[in-house]
Amino acid sequence: MPTISFNKAFEKMMQDPEFKKEYEALKPEFELKKQLIEARIKSKLTQEQIATKMNMKQANLARFEKSLDARFSTIIKYARALGLKELKIAL
């Protein structure tokens, strides 16, 4: 069975104007989650430690980090648990 690399499949999908529009619309959310996860890793904090500070289960925090849909209040709690004073969202 032939395989195709992710990059080639992604390039092909990006040629579809509807797909590209939806992908671009989600970009700010991807970037925000990326900032939060990178800050957690840089702080040498585990998901368990952040989850405890947020008063939630580690499994729920893992789901938050993986999903696209997130409540703004959860994003703020995550940032505060990390001790962040600022988040930047570029549209």
PDB file of N, CA and C in Angstrom:
ATOM      1  N   MET A   1       0.839  -1.182   0.000  1.00  0.00           N
ATOM      2  CA  MET A   1       0.000   0.000   0.000  1.00  0.00           C
ATOM      3  C   MET A   1       0.884   1.245   0.000  1.00  0.00           C
ATOM      4  N   PRO A   2       0.724   2.129  -0.964  1.00  0.00           N
ATOM      5  CA  PRO A   2       1.577   3.325  -1.026  1.00  0.00           C
ATOM      6  C   PRO A   2       1.259   4.299   0.113  1.00  0.00           C
ATOM      7  N   THR A   3       2.275   5.004   0.529  1.00  0.00           N
ATOM      8  CA  THR A   3       2.098   6.011   1.581  1.00  0.00           C
ATOM      9  C   THR A   3       2.448   7.386   1.027  1.00  0.00           C
ATOM     10  N   ILE A   4       1.948   8.389   1.706  1.00  0.00           N
ATOM     11  CA  ILE A   4       2.237   9.769   1.332  1.00  0.00           C
ATOM     12  C   ILE A   4       2.681  10.501   2.598  1.00  0.00           C
ATOM     13  N   SER A   5       3.654  11.358   2.474  1.00  0.00           N
ATOM     14  CA  SER A   5       4.143  12.079   3.648  1.00  0.00           C
ATOM     15  C   SER A   5       3.115  13.132   4.073  1.00  0.00           C
ATOM     16  N   PHE A   6       3.165  13.478   5.340  1.00  0.00           N
ATOM     17  CA  PHE A   6       2.260  14.502   5.853  1.00  0.00           C
ATOM     18  C   PHE A   6       2.459  15.811   5.105  1.00  0.00           C
ATOM     19  N   ASN A   7       3.714  16.190   4.892  1.00  0.00           N
ATOM     20  CA  ASN A   7       3.995  17.468   4.228  1.00  0.00           C
ATOM     21  C   ASN A   7       3.402  17.532   2.829  1.00  0.00           C
ATOM     22  N   LYS A   8       3.514  16.442   2.083  1.00  0.00           N
ATOM     23  CA  LYS A   8       2.949  16.423   0.732  1.00  0.00           C
ATOM     24  C   LYS A   8       1.428  16.483   0.783  1.00  0.00           C
ATOM     25  N   ALA A   9       0.837  15.745   1.705  1.00  0.00           N
ATOM     26  CA  ALA A   9      -0.627  15.767   1.845  1.00  0.00           C
ATOM     27  C   ALA A   9      -1.091  17.161   2.261  1.00  0.00           C
ATOM     28  N   PHE A  10      -0.357  17.778   3.184  1.00  0.00           N
ATOM     29  CA  PHE A  10      -0.718  19.116   3.650  1.00  0.00           C
ATOM     30  C   PHE A  10      -0.610  20.130   2.513  1.00  0.00           C
ATOM     31  N   GLU A  11       0.458  20.068   1.748  1.00  0.00           N
ATOM     32  CA  GLU A  11       0.624  20.981   0.608  1.00  0.00           C
ATOM     33  C   GLU A  11      -0.536  20.848  -0.371  1.00  0.00           C
ATOM     34  N   LYS A  12      -0.944  19.616  -0.603  1.00  0.00           N
ATOM     35  CA  LYS A  12      -2.059  19.372  -1.518  1.00  0.00           C
ATOM     36  C   LYS A  12      -3.359  19.955  -0.945  1.00  0.00           C
ATOM     37  N   MET A  13      -3.586  19.744   0.339  1.00  0.00           N
ATOM     38  CA  MET A  13      -4.806  20.272   0.974  1.00  0.00           C
ATOM     39  C   MET A  13      -4.817  21.801   0.974  1.00  0.00           C
ATOM     40  N   MET A  14      -3.640  22.409   1.141  1.00  0.00           N
ATOM     41  CA  MET A  14      -3.558  23.871   1.178  1.00  0.00           C
ATOM     42  C   MET A  14      -3.890  24.498  -0.172  1.00  0.00           C
ATOM     43  N   GLN A  15      -3.905  23.713  -1.229  1.00  0.00           N
ATOM     44  CA  GLN A  15      -4.293  24.218  -2.545  1.00  0.00           C
ATOM     45  C   GLN A  15      -5.810  24.390  -2.653  1.00  0.00           C
ATOM     46  N   ASP A  16      -6.531  23.741  -1.753  1.00  0.00           N
ATOM     47  CA  ASP A  16      -7.990  23.879  -1.711  1.00  0.00           C
ATOM     48  C   ASP A  16      -8.322  25.173  -0.969  1.00  0.00           C
ATOM     49  N   PRO A  17      -8.918  26.162  -1.648  1.00  0.00           N
ATOM     50  CA  PRO A  17      -9.185  27.463  -1.019  1.00  0.00           C
ATOM     51  C   PRO A  17     -10.023  27.375   0.257  1.00  0.00           C
ATOM     52  N   GLU A  18     -10.983  26.466   0.297  1.00  0.00           N
ATOM     53  CA  GLU A  18     -11.824  26.333   1.489  1.00  0.00           C
ATOM     54  C   GLU A  18     -11.026  25.783   2.670  1.00  0.00           C
ATOM     55  N   PHE A  19     -10.199  24.770   2.409  1.00  0.00           N
ATOM     56  CA  PHE A  19      -9.352  24.213   3.457  1.00  0.00           C
ATOM     57  C   PHE A  19      -8.385  25.274   3.972  1.00  0.00           C
ATOM     58  N   LYS A  20      -7.744  25.982   3.038  1.00  0.00           N
ATOM     59  CA  LYS A  20      -6.767  27.001   3.412  1.00  0.00           C
ATOM     60  C   LYS A  20      -7.412  28.093   4.270  1.00  0.00           C
ATOM     61  N   LYS A  21      -8.610  28.505   3.907  1.00  0.00           N
ATOM     62  CA  LYS A  21      -9.325  29.530   4.671  1.00  0.00           C
ATOM     63  C   LYS A  21      -9.591  29.061   6.107  1.00  0.00           C
ATOM     64  N   GLU A  22     -10.051  27.834   6.256  1.00  0.00           N
ATOM     65  CA  GLU A  22     -10.329  27.287   7.589  1.00  0.00           C
ATOM     66  C   GLU A  22      -9.043  27.121   8.396  1.00  0.00           C
ATOM     67  N   TYR A  23      -7.984  26.654   7.742  1.00  0.00           N
ATOM     68  CA  TYR A  23      -6.700  26.483   8.413  1.00  0.00           C
ATOM     69  C   TYR A  23      -6.183  27.830   8.917  1.00  0.00           C
ATOM     70  N   GLU A  24      -6.231  28.839   8.074  1.00  0.00           N
ATOM     71  CA  GLU A  24      -5.763  30.175   8.457  1.00  0.00           C
ATOM     72  C   GLU A  24      -6.603  30.755   9.598  1.00  0.00           C
ATOM     73  N   ALA A  25      -7.898  30.456   9.611  1.00  0.00           N
ATOM     74  CA  ALA A  25      -8.775  30.959  10.670  1.00  0.00           C
ATOM     75  C   ALA A  25      -8.400  30.366  12.036  1.00  0.00           C
ATOM     76  N   LEU A  26      -7.850  29.164  12.050  1.00  0.00           N
ATOM     77  CA  LEU A  26      -7.474  28.505  13.298  1.00  0.00           C
ATOM     78  C   LEU A  26      -6.058  28.839  13.759  1.00  0.00           C
ATOM     79  N   LYS A  27      -5.298  29.495  12.920  1.00  0.00           N
ATOM     80  CA  LYS A  27      -3.895  29.778  13.216  1.00  0.00           C
ATOM     81  C   LYS A  27      -3.675  30.502  14.560  1.00  0.00           C
ATOM     82  N   PRO A  28      -4.454  31.537  14.891  1.00  0.00           N
ATOM     83  CA  PRO A  28      -4.230  32.200  16.185  1.00  0.00           C
ATOM     84  C   PRO A  28      -4.388  31.250  17.374  1.00  0.00           C
ATOM     85  N   GLU A  29      -5.354  30.348  17.300  1.00  0.00           N
ATOM     86  CA  GLU A  29      -5.556  29.408  18.397  1.00  0.00           C
ATOM     87  C   GLU A  29      -4.390  28.428  18.499  1.00  0.00           C
ATOM     88  N   PHE A  30      -3.901  27.936  17.343  1.00  0.00           N
ATOM     89  CA  PHE A  30      -2.728  27.061  17.341  1.00  0.00           C
ATOM     90  C   PHE A  30      -1.540  27.773  17.992  1.00  0.00           C
ATOM     91  N   GLU A  31      -1.327  29.009  17.618  1.00  0.00           N
ATOM     92  CA  GLU A  31      -0.184  29.765  18.131  1.00  0.00           C
ATOM     93  C   GLU A  31      -0.292  30.020  19.633  1.00  0.00           C
ATOM     94  N   LEU A  32      -1.484  30.323  20.100  1.00  0.00           N
ATOM     95  CA  LEU A  32      -1.684  30.567  21.524  1.00  0.00           C
ATOM     96  C   LEU A  32      -1.401  29.303  22.332  1.00  0.00           C
ATOM     97  N   LYS A  33      -1.931  28.183  21.888  1.00  0.00           N
ATOM     98  CA  LYS A  33      -1.673  26.916  22.584  1.00  0.00           C
ATOM     99  C   LYS A  33      -0.174  26.604  22.562  1.00  0.00           C
ATOM    100  N   LYS A  34       0.459  26.848  21.428  1.00  0.00           N
ATOM    101  CA  LYS A  34       1.899  26.599  21.303  1.00  0.00           C
ATOM    102  C   LYS A  34       2.678  27.434  22.323  1.00  0.00           C
ATOM    103  N   GLN A  35       2.318  28.705  22.467  1.00  0.00           N
ATOM    104  CA  GLN A  35       2.978  29.574  23.448  1.00  0.00           C
ATOM    105  C   GLN A  35       2.841  29.019  24.859  1.00  0.00           C
ATOM    106  N   LEU A  36       1.636  28.584  25.208  1.00  0.00           N
ATOM    107  CA  LEU A  36       1.385  28.068  26.550  1.00  0.00           C
ATOM    108  C   LEU A  36       2.185  26.796  26.818  1.00  0.00           C
ATOM    109  N   ILE A  37       2.168  25.885  25.872  1.00  0.00           N
ATOM    110  CA  ILE A  37       2.885  24.622  26.059  1.00  0.00           C
ATOM    111  C   ILE A  37       4.394  24.866  26.130  1.00  0.00           C
ATOM    112  N   GLU A  38       4.899  25.733  25.265  1.00  0.00           N
ATOM    113  CA  GLU A  38       6.335  26.054  25.300  1.00  0.00           C
ATOM    114  C   GLU A  38       6.712  26.711  26.625  1.00  0.00           C
ATOM    115  N   ALA A  39       5.849  27.571  27.150  1.00  0.00           N
ATOM    116  CA  ALA A  39       6.121  28.223  28.434  1.00  0.00           C
ATOM    117  C   ALA A  39       6.133  27.190  29.563  1.00  0.00           C
ATOM    118  N   ARG A  40       5.228  26.216  29.505  1.00  0.00           N
ATOM    119  CA  ARG A  40       5.201  25.165  30.528  1.00  0.00           C
ATOM    120  C   ARG A  40       6.492  24.359  30.487  1.00  0.00           C
ATOM    121  N   ILE A  41       6.901  23.977  29.299  1.00  0.00           N
ATOM    122  CA  ILE A  41       8.115  23.180  29.153  1.00  0.00           C
ATOM    123  C   ILE A  41       9.340  23.980  29.593  1.00  0.00           C
ATOM    124  N   LYS A  42       9.404  25.249  29.197  1.00  0.00           N
ATOM    125  CA  LYS A  42      10.534  26.114  29.582  1.00  0.00           C
ATOM    126  C   LYS A  42      10.597  26.283  31.099  1.00  0.00           C
ATOM    127  N   SER A  43       9.430  26.320  31.736  1.00  0.00           N
ATOM    128  CA  SER A  43       9.363  26.463  33.194  1.00  0.00           C
ATOM    129  C   SER A  43       9.656  25.159  33.918  1.00  0.00           C
ATOM    130  N   LYS A  44       9.844  24.090  33.134  1.00  0.00           N
ATOM    131  CA  LYS A  44      10.115  22.757  33.680  1.00  0.00           C
ATOM    132  C   LYS A  44       8.989  22.288  34.598  1.00  0.00           C
ATOM    133  N   LEU A  45       7.760  22.639  34.217  1.00  0.00           N
ATOM    134  CA  LEU A  45       6.594  22.190  34.955  1.00  0.00           C
ATOM    135  C   LEU A  45       5.905  21.075  34.181  1.00  0.00           C
ATOM    136  N   THR A  46       5.403  20.097  34.892  1.00  0.00           N
ATOM    137  CA  THR A  46       4.707  18.993  34.258  1.00  0.00           C
ATOM    138  C   THR A  46       3.230  19.350  34.093  1.00  0.00           C
ATOM    139  N   GLN A  47       2.549  18.564  33.290  1.00  0.00           N
ATOM    140  CA  GLN A  47       1.098  18.743  33.162  1.00  0.00           C
ATOM    141  C   GLN A  47       0.441  18.552  34.521  1.00  0.00           C
ATOM    142  N   GLU A  48       0.923  17.602  35.286  1.00  0.00           N
ATOM    143  CA  GLU A  48       0.357  17.325  36.615  1.00  0.00           C
ATOM    144  C   GLU A  48       0.488  18.553  37.523  1.00  0.00           C
ATOM    145  N   GLN A  49       1.646  19.207  37.498  1.00  0.00           N
ATOM    146  CA  GLN A  49       1.854  20.390  38.337  1.00  0.00           C
ATOM    147  C   GLN A  49       0.937  21.537  37.929  1.00  0.00           C
ATOM    148  N   ILE A  50       0.813  21.761  36.621  1.00  0.00           N
ATOM    149  CA  ILE A  50      -0.073  22.830  36.142  1.00  0.00           C
ATOM    150  C   ILE A  50      -1.517  22.487  36.461  1.00  0.00           C
ATOM    151  N   ALA A  51      -1.901  21.230  36.247  1.00  0.00           N
ATOM    152  CA  ALA A  51      -3.274  20.801  36.531  1.00  0.00           C
ATOM    153  C   ALA A  51      -3.614  21.026  37.998  1.00  0.00           C
ATOM    154  N   THR A  52      -2.684  20.712  38.886  1.00  0.00           N
ATOM    155  CA  THR A  52      -2.916  20.922  40.319  1.00  0.00           C
ATOM    156  C   THR A  52      -3.146  22.395  40.613  1.00  0.00           C
ATOM    157  N   LYS A  53      -2.332  23.258  40.028  1.00  0.00           N
ATOM    158  CA  LYS A  53      -2.502  24.704  40.226  1.00  0.00           C
ATOM    159  C   LYS A  53      -3.825  25.205  39.665  1.00  0.00           C
ATOM    160  N   MET A  54      -4.322  24.529  38.622  1.00  0.00           N
ATOM    161  CA  MET A  54      -5.577  24.926  37.991  1.00  0.00           C
ATOM    162  C   MET A  54      -6.779  24.219  38.617  1.00  0.00           C
ATOM    163  N   ASN A  55      -6.514  23.335  39.589  1.00  0.00           N
ATOM    164  CA  ASN A  55      -7.566  22.568  40.250  1.00  0.00           C
ATOM    165  C   ASN A  55      -8.332  21.697  39.247  1.00  0.00           C
ATOM    166  N   MET A  56      -7.562  20.982  38.427  1.00  0.00           N
ATOM    167  CA  MET A  56      -8.165  20.065  37.452  1.00  0.00           C
ATOM    168  C   MET A  56      -7.321  18.807  37.365  1.00  0.00           C
ATOM    169  N   LYS A  57      -7.837  17.791  36.719  1.00  0.00           N
ATOM    170  CA  LYS A  57      -7.105  16.539  36.543  1.00  0.00           C
ATOM    171  C   LYS A  57      -6.098  16.682  35.409  1.00  0.00           C
ATOM    172  N   GLN A  58      -4.988  15.942  35.535  1.00  0.00           N
ATOM    173  CA  GLN A  58      -3.946  15.977  34.513  1.00  0.00           C
ATOM    174  C   GLN A  58      -4.495  15.546  33.158  1.00  0.00           C
ATOM    175  N   ALA A  59      -5.383  14.564  33.144  1.00  0.00           N
ATOM    176  CA  ALA A  59      -5.954  14.087  31.871  1.00  0.00           C
ATOM    177  C   ALA A  59      -6.736  15.205  31.173  1.00  0.00           C
ATOM    178  N   ASN A  60      -7.422  16.017  31.948  1.00  0.00           N
ATOM    179  CA  ASN A  60      -8.160  17.143  31.361  1.00  0.00           C
ATOM    180  C   ASN A  60      -7.212  18.197  30.807  1.00  0.00           C
ATOM    181  N   LEU A  61      -6.108  18.405  31.498  1.00  0.00           N
ATOM    182  CA  LEU A  61      -5.120  19.360  30.994  1.00  0.00           C
ATOM    183  C   LEU A  61      -4.493  18.841  29.701  1.00  0.00           C
ATOM    184  N   ALA A  62      -4.202  17.560  29.642  1.00  0.00           N
ATOM    185  CA  ALA A  62      -3.650  16.968  28.416  1.00  0.00           C
ATOM    186  C   ALA A  62      -4.631  17.150  27.261  1.00  0.00           C
ATOM    187  N   ARG A  63      -5.913  16.946  27.534  1.00  0.00           N
ATOM    188  CA  ARG A  63      -6.938  17.126  26.500  1.00  0.00           C
ATOM    189  C   ARG A  63      -6.985  18.592  26.061  1.00  0.00           C
ATOM    190  N   PHE A  64      -6.858  19.506  27.014  1.00  0.00           N
ATOM    191  CA  PHE A  64      -6.824  20.937  26.699  1.00  0.00           C
ATOM    192  C   PHE A  64      -5.655  21.258  25.765  1.00  0.00           C
ATOM    193  N   GLU A  65      -4.481  20.717  26.069  1.00  0.00           N
ATOM    194  CA  GLU A  65      -3.301  20.999  25.243  1.00  0.00           C
ATOM    195  C   GLU A  65      -3.439  20.437  23.829  1.00  0.00           C
ATOM    196  N   LYS A  66      -4.173  19.344  23.670  1.00  0.00           N
ATOM    197  CA  LYS A  66      -4.314  18.711  22.358  1.00  0.00           C
ATOM    198  C   LYS A  66      -5.457  19.282  21.526  1.00  0.00           C
ATOM    199  N   SER A  67      -6.505  19.742  22.189  1.00  0.00           N
ATOM    200  CA  SER A  67      -7.707  20.151  21.458  1.00  0.00           C
ATOM    201  C   SER A  67      -7.558  21.543  20.861  1.00  0.00           C
ATOM    202  N   LEU A  68      -8.445  21.843  19.944  1.00  0.00           N
ATOM    203  CA  LEU A  68      -8.470  23.182  19.369  1.00  0.00           C
ATOM    204  C   LEU A  68      -9.450  24.075  20.106  1.00  0.00           C
ATOM    205  N   ASP A  69     -10.500  23.490  20.592  1.00  0.00           N
ATOM    206  CA  ASP A  69     -11.544  24.274  21.228  1.00  0.00           C
ATOM    207  C   ASP A  69     -11.222  24.472  22.706  1.00  0.00           C
ATOM    208  N   ALA A  70     -11.115  25.694  23.139  1.00  0.00           N
ATOM    209  CA  ALA A  70     -10.802  25.976  24.537  1.00  0.00           C
ATOM    210  C   ALA A  70     -11.538  27.221  24.988  1.00  0.00           C
ATOM    211  N   ARG A  71     -11.981  27.171  26.213  1.00  0.00           N
ATOM    212  CA  ARG A  71     -12.609  28.359  26.796  1.00  0.00           C
ATOM    213  C   ARG A  71     -11.528  29.372  27.126  1.00  0.00           C
ATOM    214  N   PHE A  72     -11.883  30.621  26.954  1.00  0.00           N
ATOM    215  CA  PHE A  72     -10.936  31.681  27.269  1.00  0.00           C
ATOM    216  C   PHE A  72     -10.562  31.627  28.752  1.00  0.00           C
ATOM    217  N   SER A  73     -11.527  31.313  29.601  1.00  0.00           N
ATOM    218  CA  SER A  73     -11.260  31.241  31.041  1.00  0.00           C
ATOM    219  C   SER A  73     -10.217  30.159  31.348  1.00  0.00           C
ATOM    220  N   THR A  74     -10.225  29.055  30.613  1.00  0.00           N
ATOM    221  CA  THR A  74      -9.231  28.000  30.824  1.00  0.00           C
ATOM    222  C   THR A  74      -7.853  28.463  30.379  1.00  0.00           C
ATOM    223  N   ILE A  75      -7.809  29.189  29.290  1.00  0.00           N
ATOM    224  CA  ILE A  75      -6.533  29.728  28.809  1.00  0.00           C
ATOM    225  C   ILE A  75      -5.932  30.673  29.855  1.00  0.00           C
ATOM    226  N   ILE A  76      -6.777  31.507  30.429  1.00  0.00           N
ATOM    227  CA  ILE A  76      -6.306  32.447  31.461  1.00  0.00           C
ATOM    228  C   ILE A  76      -5.819  31.690  32.697  1.00  0.00           C
ATOM    229  N   LYS A  77      -6.557  30.680  33.141  1.00  0.00           N
ATOM    230  CA  LYS A  77      -6.130  29.884  34.299  1.00  0.00           C
ATOM    231  C   LYS A  77      -4.781  29.221  34.025  1.00  0.00           C
ATOM    232  N   TYR A  78      -4.608  28.700  32.830  1.00  0.00           N
ATOM    233  CA  TYR A  78      -3.352  28.042  32.448  1.00  0.00           C
ATOM    234  C   TYR A  78      -2.209  29.062  32.518  1.00  0.00           C
ATOM    235  N   ALA A  79      -2.427  30.216  31.925  1.00  0.00           N
ATOM    236  CA  ALA A  79      -1.389  31.255  31.924  1.00  0.00           C
ATOM    237  C   ALA A  79      -1.040  31.683  33.347  1.00  0.00           C
ATOM    238  N   ARG A  80      -2.042  31.836  34.179  1.00  0.00           N
ATOM    239  CA  ARG A  80      -1.790  32.223  35.571  1.00  0.00           C
ATOM    240  C   ARG A  80      -1.052  31.128  36.332  1.00  0.00           C
ATOM    241  N   ALA A  81      -1.404  29.873  36.070  1.00  0.00           N
ATOM    242  CA  ALA A  81      -0.720  28.754  36.724  1.00  0.00           C
ATOM    243  C   ALA A  81       0.758  28.732  36.360  1.00  0.00           C
ATOM    244  N   LEU A  82       1.078  29.208  35.164  1.00  0.00           N
ATOM    245  CA  LEU A  82       2.478  29.297  34.735  1.00  0.00           C
ATOM    246  C   LEU A  82       3.166  30.542  35.273  1.00  0.00           C
ATOM    247  N   GLY A  83       2.383  31.481  35.778  1.00  0.00           N
ATOM    248  CA  GLY A  83       2.952  32.727  36.250  1.00  0.00           C
ATOM    249  C   GLY A  83       3.168  33.743  35.128  1.00  0.00           C
ATOM    250  N   LEU A  84       2.522  33.512  33.995  1.00  0.00           N
ATOM    251  CA  LEU A  84       2.672  34.438  32.863  1.00  0.00           C
ATOM    252  C   LEU A  84       1.931  35.739  33.148  1.00  0.00           C
ATOM    253  N   LYS A  85       2.507  36.821  32.731  1.00  0.00           N
ATOM    254  CA  LYS A  85       1.889  38.137  32.884  1.00  0.00           C
ATOM    255  C   LYS A  85       1.319  38.626  31.583  1.00  0.00           C
ATOM    256  N   GLU A  86       1.721  37.990  30.474  1.00  0.00           N
ATOM    257  CA  GLU A  86       1.327  38.482  29.158  1.00  0.00           C
ATOM    258  C   GLU A  86       1.211  37.333  28.177  1.00  0.00           C
ATOM    259  N   LEU A  87       0.178  37.399  27.331  1.00  0.00           N
ATOM    260  CA  LEU A  87       0.007  36.494  26.198  1.00  0.00           C
ATOM    261  C   LEU A  87      -0.212  37.349  24.972  1.00  0.00           C
ATOM    262  N   LYS A  88       0.385  36.974  23.863  1.00  0.00           N
ATOM    263  CA  LYS A  88       0.205  37.738  22.629  1.00  0.00           C
ATOM    264  C   LYS A  88      -0.543  36.894  21.606  1.00  0.00           C
ATOM    265  N   ILE A  89      -1.558  37.486  21.033  1.00  0.00           N
ATOM    266  CA  ILE A  89      -2.326  36.823  19.992  1.00  0.00           C
ATOM    267  C   ILE A  89      -2.211  37.672  18.738  1.00  0.00           C
ATOM    268  N   ALA A  90      -1.654  37.084  17.706  1.00  0.00           N
ATOM    269  CA  ALA A  90      -1.533  37.789  16.426  1.00  0.00           C
ATOM    270  C   ALA A  90      -2.569  37.217  15.466  1.00  0.00           C
ATOM    271  N   LEU A  91      -3.356  38.076  14.884  1.00  0.00           N
ATOM    272  CA  LEU A  91      -4.391  37.627  13.954  1.00  0.00           C
ATOM    273  C   LEU A  91      -3.957  37.802  12.520  1.00  0.00           C
TER     274      LEU A  91
END
